[in-house]
Structures are given as C-alpha cells and as structure tokens.
Amino acid sequence: VVSSILKQCKLGNTLCVEEIQDQVENALMNSDYKDV
C-alpha cells in the first residue's frame, strides 16, 4: 500500500491525508481482509 501510494504521486508532489486514507481503505477492501 505504501509503495502504491508513492507510485501515484510524482516526486516532490504533495499528498493529502484524506487521499492517503482512501488508498488504504481501497487496498483493504480489495484484499482478503475486508473485515479489517
């Protein structure tokens, strides 16, 4: 998830907290850990 987040932004770009949390949420929902 960390690697995916970094790949989606260009070096030097600014990430928003909400965007990071959305990425975490989507990754978990698409995994075998939907209860998590």
PDB file of all heavy atoms in Angstrom:
ATOM      1  N   VAL A   1       0.836  -1.196   0.000  1.00  0.00           N
ATOM      2  CA  VAL A   1       0.000   0.000   0.000  1.00  0.00           C
ATOM      3  C   VAL A   1       0.873   1.249   0.000  1.00  0.00           C
ATOM      4  O   VAL A   1       0.633   2.206  -0.754  1.00  0.00           O
ATOM      5  CB  VAL A   1      -0.943   0.006   1.219  1.00  0.00           C
ATOM      6  CG1 VAL A   1      -1.635   1.365   1.357  1.00  0.00           C
ATOM      7  CG2 VAL A   1      -1.973  -1.091   1.108  1.00  0.00           C
ATOM      8  N   VAL A   2       1.920   1.250   0.819  1.00  0.00           N
ATOM      9  CA  VAL A   2       2.834   2.396   0.866  1.00  0.00           C
ATOM     10  C   VAL A   2       3.487   2.610  -0.497  1.00  0.00           C
ATOM     11  O   VAL A   2       3.569   3.746  -1.000  1.00  0.00           O
ATOM     12  CB  VAL A   2       3.901   2.177   1.955  1.00  0.00           C
ATOM     13  CG1 VAL A   2       4.967   3.271   1.876  1.00  0.00           C
ATOM     14  CG2 VAL A   2       3.265   2.166   3.336  1.00  0.00           C
ATOM     15  N   SER A   3       3.934   1.528  -1.095  1.00  0.00           N
ATOM     16  CA  SER A   3       4.586   1.633  -2.410  1.00  0.00           C
ATOM     17  C   SER A   3       3.617   2.156  -3.462  1.00  0.00           C
ATOM     18  O   SER A   3       3.972   2.994  -4.300  1.00  0.00           O
ATOM     19  CB  SER A   3       5.123   0.261  -2.840  1.00  0.00           C
ATOM     20  OG  SER A   3       6.089  -0.209  -1.922  1.00  0.00           O
ATOM     21  N   SER A   4       2.377   1.675  -3.401  1.00  0.00           N
ATOM     22  CA  SER A   4       1.371   2.105  -4.369  1.00  0.00           C
ATOM     23  C   SER A   4       1.071   3.591  -4.230  1.00  0.00           C
ATOM     24  O   SER A   4       0.920   4.295  -5.233  1.00  0.00           O
ATOM     25  CB  SER A   4       0.092   1.286  -4.165  1.00  0.00           C
ATOM     26  OG  SER A   4      -0.947   1.747  -5.002  1.00  0.00           O
ATOM     27  N   ILE A   5       1.018   4.047  -2.988  1.00  0.00           N
ATOM     28  CA  ILE A   5       0.750   5.471  -2.754  1.00  0.00           C
ATOM     29  C   ILE A   5       1.867   6.326  -3.337  1.00  0.00           C
ATOM     30  O   ILE A   5       1.624   7.357  -3.983  1.00  0.00           O
ATOM     31  CB  ILE A   5       0.580   5.744  -1.250  1.00  0.00           C
ATOM     32  CG1 ILE A   5      -0.723   5.111  -0.752  1.00  0.00           C
ATOM     33  CG2 ILE A   5       0.594   7.239  -0.946  1.00  0.00           C
ATOM     34  CD1 ILE A   5      -0.895   5.164   0.749  1.00  0.00           C
ATOM     35  N   LEU A   6       3.094   5.883  -3.141  1.00  0.00           N
ATOM     36  CA  LEU A   6       4.234   6.655  -3.629  1.00  0.00           C
ATOM     37  C   LEU A   6       4.295   6.655  -5.158  1.00  0.00           C
ATOM     38  O   LEU A   6       4.703   7.643  -5.771  1.00  0.00           O
ATOM     39  CB  LEU A   6       5.529   6.088  -3.047  1.00  0.00           C
ATOM     40  CG  LEU A   6       5.728   6.323  -1.545  1.00  0.00           C
ATOM     41  CD1 LEU A   6       6.977   5.629  -1.066  1.00  0.00           C
ATOM     42  CD2 LEU A   6       5.810   7.818  -1.261  1.00  0.00           C
ATOM     43  N   LYS A   7       3.872   5.558  -5.768  1.00  0.00           N
ATOM     44  CA  LYS A   7       3.892   5.479  -7.228  1.00  0.00           C
ATOM     45  C   LYS A   7       2.872   6.418  -7.854  1.00  0.00           C
ATOM     46  O   LYS A   7       3.032   6.836  -9.007  1.00  0.00           O
ATOM     47  CB  LYS A   7       3.605   4.051  -7.676  1.00  0.00           C
ATOM     48  CG  LYS A   7       4.754   3.082  -7.450  1.00  0.00           C
ATOM     49  CD  LYS A   7       4.380   1.666  -7.879  1.00  0.00           C
ATOM     50  CE  LYS A   7       5.507   0.686  -7.601  1.00  0.00           C
ATOM     51  NZ  LYS A   7       5.138  -0.703  -7.993  1.00  0.00           N
ATOM     52  N   GLN A   8       1.804   6.720  -7.111  1.00  0.00           N
ATOM     53  CA  GLN A   8       0.716   7.524  -7.680  1.00  0.00           C
ATOM     54  C   GLN A   8       0.997   9.023  -7.605  1.00  0.00           C
ATOM     55  O   GLN A   8       0.193   9.833  -8.025  1.00  0.00           O
ATOM     56  CB  GLN A   8      -0.596   7.207  -6.969  1.00  0.00           C
ATOM     57  CG  GLN A   8      -1.097   5.793  -7.224  1.00  0.00           C
ATOM     58  CD  GLN A   8      -2.427   5.524  -6.561  1.00  0.00           C
ATOM     59  OE1 GLN A   8      -3.296   6.375  -6.536  1.00  0.00           O
ATOM     60  NE2 GLN A   8      -2.591   4.308  -6.029  1.00  0.00           N
ATOM     61  N   CYS A   9       2.091   9.356  -7.027  1.00  0.00           N
ATOM     62  CA  CYS A   9       2.428  10.792  -6.998  1.00  0.00           C
ATOM     63  C   CYS A   9       3.831  10.982  -7.553  1.00  0.00           C
ATOM     64  O   CYS A   9       4.697  10.122  -7.425  1.00  0.00           O
ATOM     65  CB  CYS A   9       2.328  11.339  -5.588  1.00  0.00           C
ATOM     66  SG  CYS A   9       3.552  10.651  -4.464  1.00  0.00           S
ATOM     67  N   LYS A  10       4.018  12.054  -8.194  1.00  0.00           N
ATOM     68  CA  LYS A  10       5.335  12.362  -8.729  1.00  0.00           C
ATOM     69  C   LYS A  10       6.240  12.833  -7.608  1.00  0.00           C
ATOM     70  O   LYS A  10       5.784  13.392  -6.608  1.00  0.00           O
ATOM     71  CB  LYS A  10       5.225  13.443  -9.794  1.00  0.00           C
ATOM     72  CG  LYS A  10       4.421  13.012 -11.011  1.00  0.00           C
ATOM     73  CD  LYS A  10       4.323  14.157 -12.008  1.00  0.00           C
ATOM     74  CE  LYS A  10       3.506  13.716 -13.226  1.00  0.00           C
ATOM     75  NZ  LYS A  10       3.366  14.813 -14.211  1.00  0.00           N
ATOM     76  N   LEU A  11       7.497  12.661  -7.755  1.00  0.00           N
ATOM     77  CA  LEU A  11       8.446  13.070  -6.736  1.00  0.00           C
ATOM     78  C   LEU A  11       8.323  14.573  -6.500  1.00  0.00           C
ATOM     79  O   LEU A  11       8.393  15.367  -7.434  1.00  0.00           O
ATOM     80  CB  LEU A  11       9.872  12.733  -7.190  1.00  0.00           C
ATOM     81  CG  LEU A  11      10.937  12.802  -6.107  1.00  0.00           C
ATOM     82  CD1 LEU A  11      10.682  11.772  -5.024  1.00  0.00           C
ATOM     83  CD2 LEU A  11      12.331  12.592  -6.729  1.00  0.00           C
ATOM     84  N   GLY A  12       8.141  14.951  -5.246  1.00  0.00           N
ATOM     85  CA  GLY A  12       8.006  16.366  -4.901  1.00  0.00           C
ATOM     86  C   GLY A  12       6.579  16.823  -4.789  1.00  0.00           C
ATOM     87  O   GLY A  12       6.313  17.913  -4.302  1.00  0.00           O
ATOM     88  N   ASN A  13       5.610  16.039  -5.262  1.00  0.00           N
ATOM     89  CA  ASN A  13       4.207  16.408  -5.140  1.00  0.00           C
ATOM     90  C   ASN A  13       3.736  16.290  -3.686  1.00  0.00           C
ATOM     91  O   ASN A  13       4.345  15.598  -2.868  1.00  0.00           O
ATOM     92  CB  ASN A  13       3.338  15.526  -6.020  1.00  0.00           C
ATOM     93  CG  ASN A  13       3.407  15.957  -7.480  1.00  0.00           C
ATOM     94  OD1 ASN A  13       4.074  16.923  -7.802  1.00  0.00           O
ATOM     95  ND2 ASN A  13       2.729  15.222  -8.336  1.00  0.00           N
ATOM     96  N   THR A  14       2.632  16.944  -3.378  1.00  0.00           N
ATOM     97  CA  THR A  14       2.086  16.929  -2.015  1.00  0.00           C
ATOM     98  C   THR A  14       0.869  16.033  -1.944  1.00  0.00           C
ATOM     99  O   THR A  14      -0.044  16.146  -2.768  1.00  0.00           O
ATOM    100  CB  THR A  14       1.687  18.352  -1.571  1.00  0.00           C
ATOM    101  OG1 THR A  14       2.833  19.176  -1.599  1.00  0.00           O
ATOM    102  CG2 THR A  14       1.135  18.326  -0.145  1.00  0.00           C
ATOM    103  N   LEU A  15       0.878  15.130  -0.965  1.00  0.00           N
ATOM    104  CA  LEU A  15      -0.252  14.235  -0.749  1.00  0.00           C
ATOM    105  C   LEU A  15      -1.160  14.798   0.332  1.00  0.00           C
ATOM    106  O   LEU A  15      -0.699  15.398   1.293  1.00  0.00           O
ATOM    107  CB  LEU A  15       0.245  12.849  -0.318  1.00  0.00           C
ATOM    108  CG  LEU A  15       1.066  12.061  -1.333  1.00  0.00           C
ATOM    109  CD1 LEU A  15       1.599  10.801  -0.677  1.00  0.00           C
ATOM    110  CD2 LEU A  15       0.220  11.706  -2.536  1.00  0.00           C
ATOM    111  N   CYS A  16      -2.457  14.579   0.183  1.00  0.00           N
ATOM    112  CA  CYS A  16      -3.433  14.977   1.196  1.00  0.00           C
ATOM    113  C   CYS A  16      -3.714  13.777   2.095  1.00  0.00           C
ATOM    114  O   CYS A  16      -3.734  12.629   1.642  1.00  0.00           O
ATOM    115  CB  CYS A  16      -4.715  15.446   0.512  1.00  0.00           C
ATOM    116  SG  CYS A  16      -6.047  15.840   1.663  1.00  0.00           S
ATOM    117  N   VAL A  17      -3.931  14.046   3.386  1.00  0.00           N
ATOM    118  CA  VAL A  17      -4.206  12.975   4.343  1.00  0.00           C
ATOM    119  C   VAL A  17      -5.398  12.140   3.906  1.00  0.00           C
ATOM    120  O   VAL A  17      -5.382  10.907   3.980  1.00  0.00           O
ATOM    121  CB  VAL A  17      -4.450  13.566   5.754  1.00  0.00           C
ATOM    122  CG1 VAL A  17      -4.975  12.493   6.698  1.00  0.00           C
ATOM    123  CG2 VAL A  17      -3.170  14.157   6.307  1.00  0.00           C
ATOM    124  N   GLU A  18      -6.464  12.802   3.444  1.00  0.00           N
ATOM    125  CA  GLU A  18      -7.662  12.087   3.022  1.00  0.00           C
ATOM    126  C   GLU A  18      -7.362  11.159   1.840  1.00  0.00           C
ATOM    127  O   GLU A  18      -7.892  10.052   1.749  1.00  0.00           O
ATOM    128  CB  GLU A  18      -8.768  13.078   2.641  1.00  0.00           C
ATOM    129  CG  GLU A  18      -9.321  13.887   3.799  1.00  0.00           C
ATOM    130  CD  GLU A  18     -10.128  13.021   4.762  1.00  0.00           C
ATOM    131  OE1 GLU A  18     -10.497  11.892   4.375  1.00  0.00           O
ATOM    132  OE2 GLU A  18     -10.387  13.473   5.891  1.00  0.00           O
ATOM    133  N   GLU A  19      -6.507  11.593   0.922  1.00  0.00           N
ATOM    134  CA  GLU A  19      -6.149  10.764  -0.220  1.00  0.00           C
ATOM    135  C   GLU A  19      -5.403   9.513   0.222  1.00  0.00           C
ATOM    136  O   GLU A  19      -5.629   8.414  -0.299  1.00  0.00           O
ATOM    137  CB  GLU A  19      -5.292  11.576  -1.200  1.00  0.00           C
ATOM    138  CG  GLU A  19      -6.048  12.706  -1.889  1.00  0.00           C
ATOM    139  CD  GLU A  19      -5.142  13.574  -2.737  1.00  0.00           C
ATOM    140  OE1 GLU A  19      -3.911  13.531  -2.507  1.00  0.00           O
ATOM    141  OE2 GLU A  19      -5.656  14.285  -3.604  1.00  0.00           O
ATOM    142  N   ILE A  20      -4.525   9.670   1.169  1.00  0.00           N
ATOM    143  CA  ILE A  20      -3.775   8.521   1.694  1.00  0.00           C
ATOM    144  C   ILE A  20      -4.721   7.524   2.352  1.00  0.00           C
ATOM    145  O   ILE A  20      -4.637   6.311   2.120  1.00  0.00           O
ATOM    146  CB  ILE A  20      -2.706   8.992   2.691  1.00  0.00           C
ATOM    147  CG1 ILE A  20      -1.637   9.812   1.962  1.00  0.00           C
ATOM    148  CG2 ILE A  20      -2.088   7.815   3.422  1.00  0.00           C
ATOM    149  CD1 ILE A  20      -0.593  10.415   2.879  1.00  0.00           C
ATOM    150  N   GLN A  21      -5.650   8.032   3.159  1.00  0.00           N
ATOM    151  CA  GLN A  21      -6.592   7.151   3.833  1.00  0.00           C
ATOM    152  C   GLN A  21      -7.512   6.442   2.842  1.00  0.00           C
ATOM    153  O   GLN A  21      -7.893   5.282   3.044  1.00  0.00           O
ATOM    154  CB  GLN A  21      -7.402   7.946   4.859  1.00  0.00           C
ATOM    155  CG  GLN A  21      -6.574   8.421   6.044  1.00  0.00           C
ATOM    156  CD  GLN A  21      -7.395   9.184   7.061  1.00  0.00           C
ATOM    157  OE1 GLN A  21      -8.479   9.679   6.753  1.00  0.00           O
ATOM    158  NE2 GLN A  21      -6.879   9.284   8.278  1.00  0.00           N
ATOM    159  N   ASP A  22      -7.876   7.134   1.770  1.00  0.00           N
ATOM    160  CA  ASP A  22      -8.690   6.496   0.729  1.00  0.00           C
ATOM    161  C   ASP A  22      -7.937   5.322   0.099  1.00  0.00           C
ATOM    162  O   ASP A  22      -8.522   4.263  -0.185  1.00  0.00           O
ATOM    163  CB  ASP A  22      -9.057   7.510  -0.358  1.00  0.00           C
ATOM    164  CG  ASP A  22     -10.097   8.512   0.117  1.00  0.00           C
ATOM    165  OD1 ASP A  22     -10.773   8.228   1.132  1.00  0.00           O
ATOM    166  OD2 ASP A  22     -10.227   9.575  -0.526  1.00  0.00           O
ATOM    167  N   GLN A  23      -6.637   5.507  -0.126  1.00  0.00           N
ATOM    168  CA  GLN A  23      -5.831   4.440  -0.726  1.00  0.00           C
ATOM    169  C   GLN A  23      -5.750   3.234   0.206  1.00  0.00           C
ATOM    170  O   GLN A  23      -5.852   2.082  -0.241  1.00  0.00           O
ATOM    171  CB  GLN A  23      -4.419   4.966  -1.031  1.00  0.00           C
ATOM    172  CG  GLN A  23      -4.357   6.004  -2.130  1.00  0.00           C
ATOM    173  CD  GLN A  23      -4.745   5.413  -3.483  1.00  0.00           C
ATOM    174  OE1 GLN A  23      -4.423   4.269  -3.784  1.00  0.00           O
ATOM    175  NE2 GLN A  23      -5.462   6.194  -4.286  1.00  0.00           N
ATOM    176  N   VAL A  24      -5.578   3.485   1.491  1.00  0.00           N
ATOM    177  CA  VAL A  24      -5.526   2.397   2.468  1.00  0.00           C
ATOM    178  C   VAL A  24      -6.857   1.649   2.493  1.00  0.00           C
ATOM    179  O   VAL A  24      -6.903   0.408   2.471  1.00  0.00           O
ATOM    180  CB  VAL A  24      -5.190   2.940   3.870  1.00  0.00           C
ATOM    181  CG1 VAL A  24      -5.330   1.834   4.934  1.00  0.00           C
ATOM    182  CG2 VAL A  24      -3.794   3.525   3.915  1.00  0.00           C
ATOM    183  N   GLU A  25      -7.930   2.399   2.506  1.00  0.00           N
ATOM    184  CA  GLU A  25      -9.271   1.813   2.564  1.00  0.00           C
ATOM    185  C   GLU A  25      -9.544   0.952   1.332  1.00  0.00           C
ATOM    186  O   GLU A  25     -10.046  -0.185   1.443  1.00  0.00           O
ATOM    187  CB  GLU A  25     -10.287   2.950   2.676  1.00  0.00           C
ATOM    188  CG  GLU A  25     -11.704   2.514   2.959  1.00  0.00           C
ATOM    189  CD  GLU A  25     -12.626   3.714   3.161  1.00  0.00           C
ATOM    190  OE1 GLU A  25     -12.278   4.582   3.995  1.00  0.00           O
ATOM    191  OE2 GLU A  25     -13.666   3.775   2.482  1.00  0.00           O
ATOM    192  N   ASN A  26      -9.191   1.455   0.148  1.00  0.00           N
ATOM    193  CA  ASN A  26      -9.431   0.706  -1.092  1.00  0.00           C
ATOM    194  C   ASN A  26      -8.585  -0.560  -1.138  1.00  0.00           C
ATOM    195  O   ASN A  26      -9.051  -1.627  -1.583  1.00  0.00           O
ATOM    196  CB  ASN A  26      -9.123   1.585  -2.305  1.00  0.00           C
ATOM    197  CG  ASN A  26     -10.133   2.714  -2.465  1.00  0.00           C
ATOM    198  OD1 ASN A  26     -11.279   2.590  -2.031  1.00  0.00           O
ATOM    199  ND2 ASN A  26      -9.714   3.807  -3.077  1.00  0.00           N
ATOM    200  N   ALA A  27      -7.349  -0.448  -0.683  1.00  0.00           N
ATOM    201  CA  ALA A  27      -6.467  -1.620  -0.699  1.00  0.00           C
ATOM    202  C   ALA A  27      -6.995  -2.720   0.202  1.00  0.00           C
ATOM    203  O   ALA A  27      -6.949  -3.906  -0.156  1.00  0.00           O
ATOM    204  CB  ALA A  27      -5.054  -1.209  -0.270  1.00  0.00           C
ATOM    205  N   LEU A  28      -7.478  -2.360   1.353  1.00  0.00           N
ATOM    206  CA  LEU A  28      -8.027  -3.352   2.281  1.00  0.00           C
ATOM    207  C   LEU A  28      -9.301  -3.978   1.731  1.00  0.00           C
ATOM    208  O   LEU A  28      -9.529  -5.188   1.860  1.00  0.00           O
ATOM    209  CB  LEU A  28      -8.295  -2.705   3.645  1.00  0.00           C
ATOM    210  CG  LEU A  28      -7.060  -2.366   4.486  1.00  0.00           C
ATOM    211  CD1 LEU A  28      -7.456  -1.538   5.713  1.00  0.00           C
ATOM    212  CD2 LEU A  28      -6.352  -3.644   4.932  1.00  0.00           C
ATOM    213  N   MET A  29     -10.157  -3.156   1.110  1.00  0.00           N
ATOM    214  CA  MET A  29     -11.406  -3.670   0.566  1.00  0.00           C
ATOM    215  C   MET A  29     -11.152  -4.647  -0.604  1.00  0.00           C
ATOM    216  O   MET A  29     -11.922  -5.574  -0.825  1.00  0.00           O
ATOM    217  CB  MET A  29     -12.292  -2.519   0.091  1.00  0.00           C
ATOM    218  CG  MET A  29     -12.901  -1.702   1.228  1.00  0.00           C
ATOM    219  SD  MET A  29     -13.984  -2.684   2.296  1.00  0.00           S
ATOM    220  CE  MET A  29     -15.297  -3.115   1.151  1.00  0.00           C
ATOM    221  N   ASN A  30     -10.049  -4.443  -1.331  1.00  0.00           N
ATOM    222  CA  ASN A  30      -9.731  -5.296  -2.477  1.00  0.00           C
ATOM    223  C   ASN A  30      -8.878  -6.496  -2.084  1.00  0.00           C
ATOM    224  O   ASN A  30      -8.463  -7.275  -2.957  1.00  0.00           O
ATOM    225  CB  ASN A  30      -9.004  -4.494  -3.562  1.00  0.00           C
ATOM    226  CG  ASN A  30      -9.910  -3.434  -4.185  1.00  0.00           C
ATOM    227  OD1 ASN A  30     -11.118  -3.660  -4.324  1.00  0.00           O
ATOM    228  ND2 ASN A  30      -9.341  -2.298  -4.544  1.00  0.00           N
ATOM    229  N   SER A  31      -8.614  -6.649  -0.794  1.00  0.00           N
ATOM    230  CA  SER A  31      -7.797  -7.762  -0.314  1.00  0.00           C
ATOM    231  C   SER A  31      -8.684  -8.807   0.348  1.00  0.00           C
ATOM    232  O   SER A  31      -9.914  -8.737   0.289  1.00  0.00           O
ATOM    233  CB  SER A  31      -6.757  -7.249   0.691  1.00  0.00           C
ATOM    234  OG  SER A  31      -7.403  -6.870   1.907  1.00  0.00           O
ATOM    235  N   ASP A  32      -8.043  -9.770   0.993  1.00  0.00           N
ATOM    236  CA  ASP A  32      -8.776 -10.797   1.739  1.00  0.00           C
ATOM    237  C   ASP A  32      -9.109 -10.337   3.163  1.00  0.00           C
ATOM    238  O   ASP A  32      -9.595 -11.134   3.968  1.00  0.00           O
ATOM    239  CB  ASP A  32      -7.949 -12.085   1.806  1.00  0.00           C
ATOM    240  CG  ASP A  32      -7.765 -12.728   0.445  1.00  0.00           C
ATOM    241  OD1 ASP A  32      -8.663 -12.545  -0.409  1.00  0.00           O
ATOM    242  OD2 ASP A  32      -6.731 -13.401   0.240  1.00  0.00           O
ATOM    243  N   TYR A  33      -8.819  -9.081   3.466  1.00  0.00           N
ATOM    244  CA  TYR A  33      -9.014  -8.569   4.834  1.00  0.00           C
ATOM    245  C   TYR A  33     -10.145  -7.538   4.864  1.00  0.00           C
ATOM    246  O   TYR A  33      -9.987  -6.428   5.371  1.00  0.00           O
ATOM    247  CB  TYR A  33      -7.715  -7.945   5.362  1.00  0.00           C
ATOM    248  CG  TYR A  33      -6.566  -8.920   5.449  1.00  0.00           C
ATOM    249  CD1 TYR A  33      -5.622  -8.982   4.439  1.00  0.00           C
ATOM    250  CD2 TYR A  33      -6.445  -9.778   6.531  1.00  0.00           C
ATOM    251  CE1 TYR A  33      -4.555  -9.874   4.502  1.00  0.00           C
ATOM    252  CE2 TYR A  33      -5.387 -10.678   6.623  1.00  0.00           C
ATOM    253  CZ  TYR A  33      -4.453 -10.724   5.599  1.00  0.00           C
ATOM    254  OH  TYR A  33      -3.413 -11.622   5.682  1.00  0.00           O
ATOM    255  N   LYS A  34     -11.297  -7.921   4.325  1.00  0.00           N
ATOM    256  CA  LYS A  34     -12.419  -6.980   4.287  1.00  0.00           C
ATOM    257  C   LYS A  34     -12.954  -6.656   5.679  1.00  0.00           C
ATOM    258  O   LYS A  34     -13.490  -5.560   5.905  1.00  0.00           O
ATOM    259  CB  LYS A  34     -13.533  -7.545   3.401  1.00  0.00           C
ATOM    260  CG  LYS A  34     -13.173  -7.599   1.923  1.00  0.00           C
ATOM    261  CD  LYS A  34     -14.301  -8.130   1.092  1.00  0.00           C
ATOM    262  CE  LYS A  34     -13.994  -8.028  -0.397  1.00  0.00           C
ATOM    263  NZ  LYS A  34     -12.726  -8.689  -0.762  1.00  0.00           N
ATOM    264  N   ASP A  35     -12.827  -7.587   6.620  1.00  0.00           N
ATOM    265  CA  ASP A  35     -13.254  -7.295   7.995  1.00  0.00           C
ATOM    266  C   ASP A  35     -12.359  -6.247   8.623  1.00  0.00           C
ATOM    267  O   ASP A  35     -12.810  -5.401   9.391  1.00  0.00           O
ATOM    268  CB  ASP A  35     -13.267  -8.577   8.838  1.00  0.00           C
ATOM    269  CG  ASP A  35     -12.009  -9.408   8.659  1.00  0.00           C
ATOM    270  OD1 ASP A  35     -11.160  -9.029   7.830  1.00  0.00           O
ATOM    271  OD2 ASP A  35     -11.876 -10.445   9.351  1.00  0.00           O
ATOM    272  N   VAL A  36     -11.069  -6.264   8.261  1.00  0.00           N
ATOM    273  CA  VAL A  36     -10.155  -5.228   8.748  1.00  0.00           C
ATOM    274  C   VAL A  36     -10.504  -3.890   8.098  1.00  0.00           C
ATOM    275  O   VAL A  36     -10.432  -2.837   8.739  1.00  0.00           O
ATOM    276  CB  VAL A  36      -8.689  -5.605   8.453  1.00  0.00           C
ATOM    277  CG1 VAL A  36      -7.748  -4.501   8.928  1.00  0.00           C
ATOM    278  CG2 VAL A  36      -8.338  -6.928   9.111  1.00  0.00           C
TER     279      VAL A  36
END
